[in-house]
Amino acid sequence: MRLNAQLSQEQLAREISVAISTIRRWSKGQAEPTMTVAQMKKFGSCVKHKFDDLPNSLLPLKNSSAIKTSK
């Protein structure tokens, strides 16, 4: 999502007020993103996705289990 929005790790980190190292861990799949609601809304805005359209997991896709399922 970050790359599709043409954001560097540094830009996204600055926008959602987290450390660059945090973004790097998320990008490598070393940690599941944890954010406040405000950060999650800002993240959605940065990557041009509505909050409700964000996937259930923001870890890099390794299989289809991270894809959002319908309710």
C-alpha atoms as a PDB file:
ATOM      1  CA  MET A   1       0.000   0.000   0.000  1.00  0.00           C
ATOM      2  CA  ARG A   2       2.794   2.395   0.908  1.00  0.00           C
ATOM      3  CA  LEU A   3       4.545   1.821  -2.391  1.00  0.00           C
ATOM      4  CA  ASN A   4       1.319   2.173  -4.394  1.00  0.00           C
ATOM      5  CA  ALA A   5       0.819   5.552  -2.695  1.00  0.00           C
ATOM      6  CA  GLN A   6       4.407   6.433  -3.705  1.00  0.00           C
ATOM      7  CA  LEU A   7       5.487   7.038  -0.111  1.00  0.00           C
ATOM      8  CA  SER A   8       8.931   6.299   1.245  1.00  0.00           C
ATOM      9  CA  GLN A   9       9.248   4.604   4.618  1.00  0.00           C
ATOM     10  CA  GLU A  10      10.443   7.920   6.013  1.00  0.00           C
ATOM     11  CA  GLN A  11       7.449   9.830   4.641  1.00  0.00           C
ATOM     12  CA  LEU A  12       4.938   7.354   6.043  1.00  0.00           C
ATOM     13  CA  ALA A  13       6.680   7.273   9.423  1.00  0.00           C
ATOM     14  CA  ARG A  14       6.545  11.061   9.628  1.00  0.00           C
ATOM     15  CA  GLU A  15       2.877  11.187   8.549  1.00  0.00           C
ATOM     16  CA  ILE A  16       1.629   8.688  11.150  1.00  0.00           C
ATOM     17  CA  SER A  17       4.109   9.676  13.893  1.00  0.00           C
ATOM     18  CA  VAL A  18       6.026   6.418  14.275  1.00  0.00           C
ATOM     19  CA  ALA A  19       9.734   5.634  14.081  1.00  0.00           C
ATOM     20  CA  ILE A  20      11.230   4.715  10.710  1.00  0.00           C
ATOM     21  CA  SER A  21      12.477   1.490  12.290  1.00  0.00           C
ATOM     22  CA  THR A  22       8.853   0.618  13.065  1.00  0.00           C
ATOM     23  CA  ILE A  23       7.872   1.030   9.410  1.00  0.00           C
ATOM     24  CA  ARG A  24      10.850  -1.125   8.408  1.00  0.00           C
ATOM     25  CA  ARG A  25       9.781  -3.927  10.784  1.00  0.00           C
ATOM     26  CA  TRP A  26       6.248  -3.749   9.387  1.00  0.00           C
ATOM     27  CA  SER A  27       7.546  -3.843   5.809  1.00  0.00           C
ATOM     28  CA  LYS A  28       9.706  -6.896   6.540  1.00  0.00           C
ATOM     29  CA  GLY A  29       6.836  -8.675   8.265  1.00  0.00           C
ATOM     30  CA  GLN A  30       8.734  -8.713  11.546  1.00  0.00           C
ATOM     31  CA  ALA A  31       5.902  -7.047  13.453  1.00  0.00           C
ATOM     32  CA  GLU A  32       2.156  -6.619  13.038  1.00  0.00           C
ATOM     33  CA  PRO A  33       1.304  -2.908  12.860  1.00  0.00           C
ATOM     34  CA  THR A  34      -0.267  -1.510  15.990  1.00  0.00           C
ATOM     35  CA  MET A  35      -1.625   2.014  15.792  1.00  0.00           C
ATOM     36  CA  THR A  36      -4.021   4.298  17.557  1.00  0.00           C
ATOM     37  CA  VAL A  37      -7.309   4.991  15.799  1.00  0.00           C
ATOM     38  CA  ALA A  38      -5.975   8.431  14.821  1.00  0.00           C
ATOM     39  CA  GLN A  39      -2.831   6.860  13.338  1.00  0.00           C
ATOM     40  CA  MET A  40      -4.896   4.265  11.474  1.00  0.00           C
ATOM     41  CA  LYS A  41      -7.111   6.975   9.973  1.00  0.00           C
ATOM     42  CA  LYS A  42      -4.032   8.955   8.951  1.00  0.00           C
ATOM     43  CA  PHE A  43      -2.484   5.788   7.494  1.00  0.00           C
ATOM     44  CA  GLY A  44      -5.615   5.181   5.420  1.00  0.00           C
ATOM     45  CA  SER A  45      -5.525   8.741   4.188  1.00  0.00           C
ATOM     46  CA  CYS A  46      -1.821   8.486   3.297  1.00  0.00           C
ATOM     47  CA  VAL A  47      -2.252   5.283   1.297  1.00  0.00           C
ATOM     48  CA  LYS A  48      -5.524   6.529  -0.233  1.00  0.00           C
ATOM     49  CA  HIS A  49      -7.792   3.862   1.289  1.00  0.00           C
ATOM     50  CA  LYS A  50     -10.886   4.325   3.392  1.00  0.00           C
ATOM     51  CA  PHE A  51     -10.542   3.006   6.923  1.00  0.00           C
ATOM     52  CA  ASP A  52     -13.160   0.301   6.275  1.00  0.00           C
ATOM     53  CA  ASP A  53     -11.354  -0.815   3.114  1.00  0.00           C
ATOM     54  CA  LEU A  54      -8.068  -1.560   4.870  1.00  0.00           C
ATOM     55  CA  PRO A  55      -7.212  -5.272   5.101  1.00  0.00           C
ATOM     56  CA  ASN A  56      -7.473  -7.177   8.375  1.00  0.00           C
ATOM     57  CA  SER A  57      -3.701  -7.543   8.404  1.00  0.00           C
ATOM     58  CA  LEU A  58      -1.056  -5.134   7.166  1.00  0.00           C
ATOM     59  CA  LEU A  59       1.686  -7.755   7.145  1.00  0.00           C
ATOM     60  CA  PRO A  60       3.230  -8.436   3.723  1.00  0.00           C
ATOM     61  CA  LEU A  61       1.175 -10.994   1.806  1.00  0.00           C
ATOM     62  CA  LYS A  62       2.676 -14.478   1.904  1.00  0.00           C
ATOM     63  CA  ASN A  63      -0.618 -16.255   1.304  1.00  0.00           C
ATOM     64  CA  SER A  64      -4.266 -15.406   0.941  1.00  0.00           C
ATOM     65  CA  SER A  65      -5.025 -15.484   4.706  1.00  0.00           C
ATOM     66  CA  ALA A  66      -4.204 -11.768   5.014  1.00  0.00           C
ATOM     67  CA  ILE A  67      -6.824 -10.753   2.466  1.00  0.00           C
ATOM     68  CA  LYS A  68      -9.884  -9.069   3.948  1.00  0.00           C
ATOM     69  CA  THR A  69     -12.889 -11.348   4.000  1.00  0.00           C
ATOM     70  CA  SER A  70     -16.453 -10.155   3.669  1.00  0.00           C
ATOM     71  CA  LYS A  71     -18.553  -9.830   6.811  1.00  0.00           C
END
